[in-house]
Protein backbone atom coordinates (compact mmCIF):
# COMPACT_ATOMS: atom_id res chain seq x y z
CA MET A 1 0.00 0.00 0.00
CA ALA A 2 1.41 3.37 -1.00
CA ARG A 3 1.72 6.06 1.62
CA PRO A 4 -0.15 9.29 0.94
CA VAL A 5 1.99 12.36 0.36
CA THR A 6 0.65 15.30 2.36
CA LEU A 7 1.32 19.01 2.67
CA PHE A 8 1.30 20.99 5.91
CA THR A 9 -0.59 24.12 4.86
CA GLY A 10 0.47 26.35 7.77
CA GLN A 11 3.14 28.03 5.64
CA TRP A 12 0.31 29.28 3.44
CA ALA A 13 -2.12 30.34 6.18
CA ASP A 14 -2.42 33.71 4.43
CA LEU A 15 -4.17 31.94 1.53
CA GLY A 16 -7.79 30.91 1.75
CA PHE A 17 -8.62 27.26 2.33
CA ASP A 18 -10.05 26.66 -1.13
CA GLU A 19 -7.01 28.26 -2.78
CA ILE A 20 -4.44 26.24 -0.83
CA CYS A 21 -6.39 23.05 -1.56
CA ARG A 22 -6.31 23.85 -5.27
CA LYS A 23 -2.56 24.50 -5.07
CA ALA A 24 -1.86 21.36 -3.02
CA LYS A 25 -3.60 19.20 -5.62
CA SER A 26 -1.78 20.94 -8.48
CA PHE A 27 1.52 20.29 -6.65
CA GLY A 28 0.64 16.58 -6.67
CA TYR A 29 -0.26 16.03 -3.00
CA ASP A 30 -2.78 13.41 -1.85
CA GLY A 31 -3.89 15.38 1.17
CA VAL A 32 -3.11 18.03 3.72
CA GLU A 33 -2.30 18.61 7.37
CA LEU A 34 -4.39 21.55 8.49
CA PRO A 35 -3.16 24.20 10.92
CA CYS A 36 -5.46 25.73 13.53
CA TRP A 37 -4.68 29.25 12.35
CA GLY A 38 -5.63 31.21 9.27
CA ASP A 39 -8.90 29.90 7.90
CA HIS A 40 -7.73 26.37 7.12
CA PHE A 41 -9.28 24.88 10.27
CA GLU A 42 -10.85 27.10 12.89
CA VAL A 43 -11.54 25.09 16.04
CA ASP A 44 -13.93 27.68 17.49
CA LYS A 45 -16.07 27.52 14.33
CA ALA A 46 -15.99 23.72 14.35
CA LEU A 47 -17.32 23.73 17.91
CA LYS A 48 -20.08 26.27 17.23
CA ASP A 49 -21.27 25.33 13.73
CA LYS A 50 -22.29 21.72 13.13
CA ASN A 51 -21.86 22.20 9.36
CA TYR A 52 -18.36 23.73 9.51
CA VAL A 53 -16.44 20.44 9.41
CA LYS A 54 -18.75 19.09 6.70
CA THR A 55 -17.97 22.09 4.48
CA ARG A 56 -14.22 21.62 5.05
CA TRP A 57 -14.54 17.98 3.90
CA GLU A 58 -16.58 19.06 0.87
CA ILE A 59 -13.87 21.51 -0.18
CA LEU A 60 -11.19 18.84 0.26
CA ARG A 61 -13.17 16.26 -1.72
CA GLY A 62 -13.85 18.83 -4.43
CA HIS A 63 -10.10 19.04 -4.96
CA GLY A 64 -9.53 15.29 -4.66
CA LEU A 65 -7.77 15.65 -1.29
CA LYS A 66 -8.07 14.24 2.22
CA ALA A 67 -7.12 15.73 5.58
CA PHE A 68 -4.71 13.43 7.39
CA ALA A 69 -3.98 15.61 10.44
CA ILE A 70 -4.93 18.79 12.24
CA SER A 71 -2.06 20.66 13.85
CA ASN A 72 -1.72 23.33 16.49
CA GLY A 73 2.05 22.89 16.79
CA VAL A 74 3.05 26.53 16.45
CA ILE A 75 0.53 27.80 18.98
CA THR A 76 2.17 28.13 22.38
CA THR A 77 1.26 29.20 25.88
CA SER A 78 4.81 29.99 26.92
CA PRO A 79 4.99 33.26 28.92
CA VAL A 80 8.22 34.11 27.12
CA SER A 81 6.64 33.82 23.69
CA GLN A 82 3.77 36.10 24.75
CA SER A 83 6.01 38.93 25.93
CA THR A 84 8.65 41.10 24.37
CA VAL A 85 12.13 39.93 25.36
CA ASN A 86 14.90 42.51 25.29
CA ILE A 87 18.16 40.63 24.76
CA ASP A 88 20.27 43.81 24.73
CA ASN A 89 20.08 44.32 28.50
């Protein structure tokens, strides 16, 4: 069984979900890993709107893609990352 080749779309979070799906398919990918930033996968919308996830799947299927993972890896709760650090002093 061949392994699917997927694209983490977080680097393109400035692009809309439909656009990055179109690009991912044109690049030859089988599916995507969706970040929880930008509009690729918005957890708060998924929790509030029972049709949100369905519409994400419809967009993916429309481009011949699957979602293999959802990632929040860049999001952090570190106090250091949430403040300005002055390394000159």
